Amino acid sequence: MAQGALKVIKKGNVKKSQTPKKAAKKTIAPRKNSAIVTAKLKKKHSSAIAVETEKLLSSRVGHLEVLKGSRREIAKKDAQKQAKERIAKHQEKSK
């Protein structure tokens, strides 16, 4: 009582992606209260430590400089300064 031919199942050709996922750093959140407090303090003061080491290195080398503010804040200040200069030049020409 054959009801038909057997179905031939082809195995799919699975392609690996050409761009692998970036390996993210695995950090496990602390659970103990004392560990949570120290983790918060470490996160809070880590940028201050980086700034202090930059200042130390720049003072020793002499030509490095530590910029105040983020890149966007510095760019915004420069744009405002240039706008003021343009306005001053325009006012001088109109006189």
Protein backbone atom coordinates (compact mmCIF):
# COMPACT_ATOMS: atom_id res chain seq x y z
CA MET A 1 0.00 0.00 0.00
CA ALA A 2 2.53 2.56 -1.02
CA GLN A 3 1.01 5.99 -1.11
CA GLY A 4 3.68 7.74 -3.07
CA ALA A 5 7.40 8.24 -3.44
CA LEU A 6 9.49 9.28 -0.47
CA LYS A 7 10.20 12.99 -0.25
CA VAL A 8 13.84 13.90 -0.66
CA ILE A 9 14.78 16.55 1.90
CA LYS A 10 17.77 18.67 1.01
CA LYS A 11 19.86 20.12 3.78
CA GLY A 12 19.95 23.89 3.57
CA ASN A 13 23.26 25.56 3.00
CA VAL A 14 23.67 27.83 6.04
CA LYS A 15 25.96 30.77 5.38
CA LYS A 16 27.98 32.38 8.12
CA SER A 17 27.74 36.14 8.22
CA GLN A 18 30.76 37.93 6.83
CA THR A 19 30.85 40.46 9.67
CA PRO A 20 31.20 38.75 13.03
CA LYS A 21 29.60 40.25 16.11
CA LYS A 22 31.85 42.44 18.16
CA ALA A 23 32.82 40.83 21.41
CA ALA A 24 31.27 42.84 24.20
CA LYS A 25 32.88 42.94 27.59
CA LYS A 26 30.92 40.78 29.94
CA THR A 27 30.39 42.51 33.26
CA ILE A 28 28.50 40.85 36.05
CA ALA A 29 26.58 43.26 38.27
CA PRO A 30 27.45 42.95 41.95
CA ARG A 31 24.77 41.72 44.35
CA LYS A 32 26.21 42.46 47.77
CA ASN A 33 25.55 45.96 49.11
CA SER A 34 29.21 46.65 49.82
CA ALA A 35 30.17 45.55 46.31
CA ILE A 36 27.43 47.73 44.78
CA VAL A 37 28.71 50.80 46.66
CA THR A 38 32.30 50.21 45.59
CA ALA A 39 31.22 49.68 41.97
CA LYS A 40 29.34 53.00 42.00
CA LEU A 41 32.33 54.81 43.48
CA LYS A 42 34.66 53.23 40.96
CA LYS A 43 32.43 54.32 38.07
CA LYS A 44 32.11 57.84 39.49
CA HIS A 45 35.83 58.42 40.02
CA SER A 46 37.26 56.60 37.00
CA SER A 47 36.98 59.65 34.72
CA ALA A 48 38.66 61.85 37.33
CA ILE A 49 41.55 59.42 37.48
CA ALA A 50 41.89 59.55 33.69
CA VAL A 51 41.96 63.35 33.69
CA GLU A 52 44.58 63.43 36.44
CA THR A 53 46.84 61.02 34.56
CA GLU A 54 46.43 63.10 31.39
CA LYS A 55 47.47 66.23 33.28
CA LEU A 56 50.45 64.43 34.76
CA LEU A 57 51.59 63.16 31.37
CA SER A 58 51.06 66.52 29.67
CA SER A 59 53.07 68.30 32.35
CA ARG A 60 55.95 65.90 31.80
CA VAL A 61 55.85 65.93 28.01
CA GLY A 62 55.02 69.61 27.67
CA HIS A 63 53.12 69.75 24.39
CA LEU A 64 49.95 67.83 25.24
CA GLU A 65 46.94 69.79 26.40
CA VAL A 66 43.85 68.81 28.32
CA LEU A 67 40.71 70.27 26.79
CA LYS A 68 37.87 71.36 29.02
CA GLY A 69 34.45 70.08 28.01
CA SER A 70 33.35 67.55 25.47
CA ARG A 71 34.02 67.71 21.74
CA ARG A 72 30.55 69.12 21.06
CA GLU A 73 30.88 71.82 23.71
CA ILE A 74 34.22 72.93 22.28
CA ALA A 75 32.81 73.00 18.74
CA LYS A 76 29.82 75.03 19.92
CA LYS A 77 32.08 77.60 21.63
CA ASP A 78 34.20 77.90 18.46
CA ALA A 79 31.09 78.42 16.32
CA GLN A 80 29.81 81.13 18.68
CA LYS A 81 33.19 82.86 18.62
CA GLN A 82 33.29 82.85 14.80
CA ALA A 83 29.72 84.19 14.64
CA LYS A 84 30.65 87.10 16.93
CA GLU A 85 33.66 87.89 14.73
CA ARG A 86 31.50 87.88 11.59
CA ILE A 87 28.98 90.22 13.22
CA ALA A 88 31.76 92.58 14.31
CA LYS A 89 33.23 92.68 10.78
CA HIS A 90 29.80 93.27 9.26
CA GLN A 91 29.14 96.18 11.64
CA GLU A 92 32.52 97.74 10.78
CA LYS A 93 31.75 97.60 7.05
CA SER A 94 28.33 99.19 7.49
CA LYS A 95 29.83 102.25 9.29
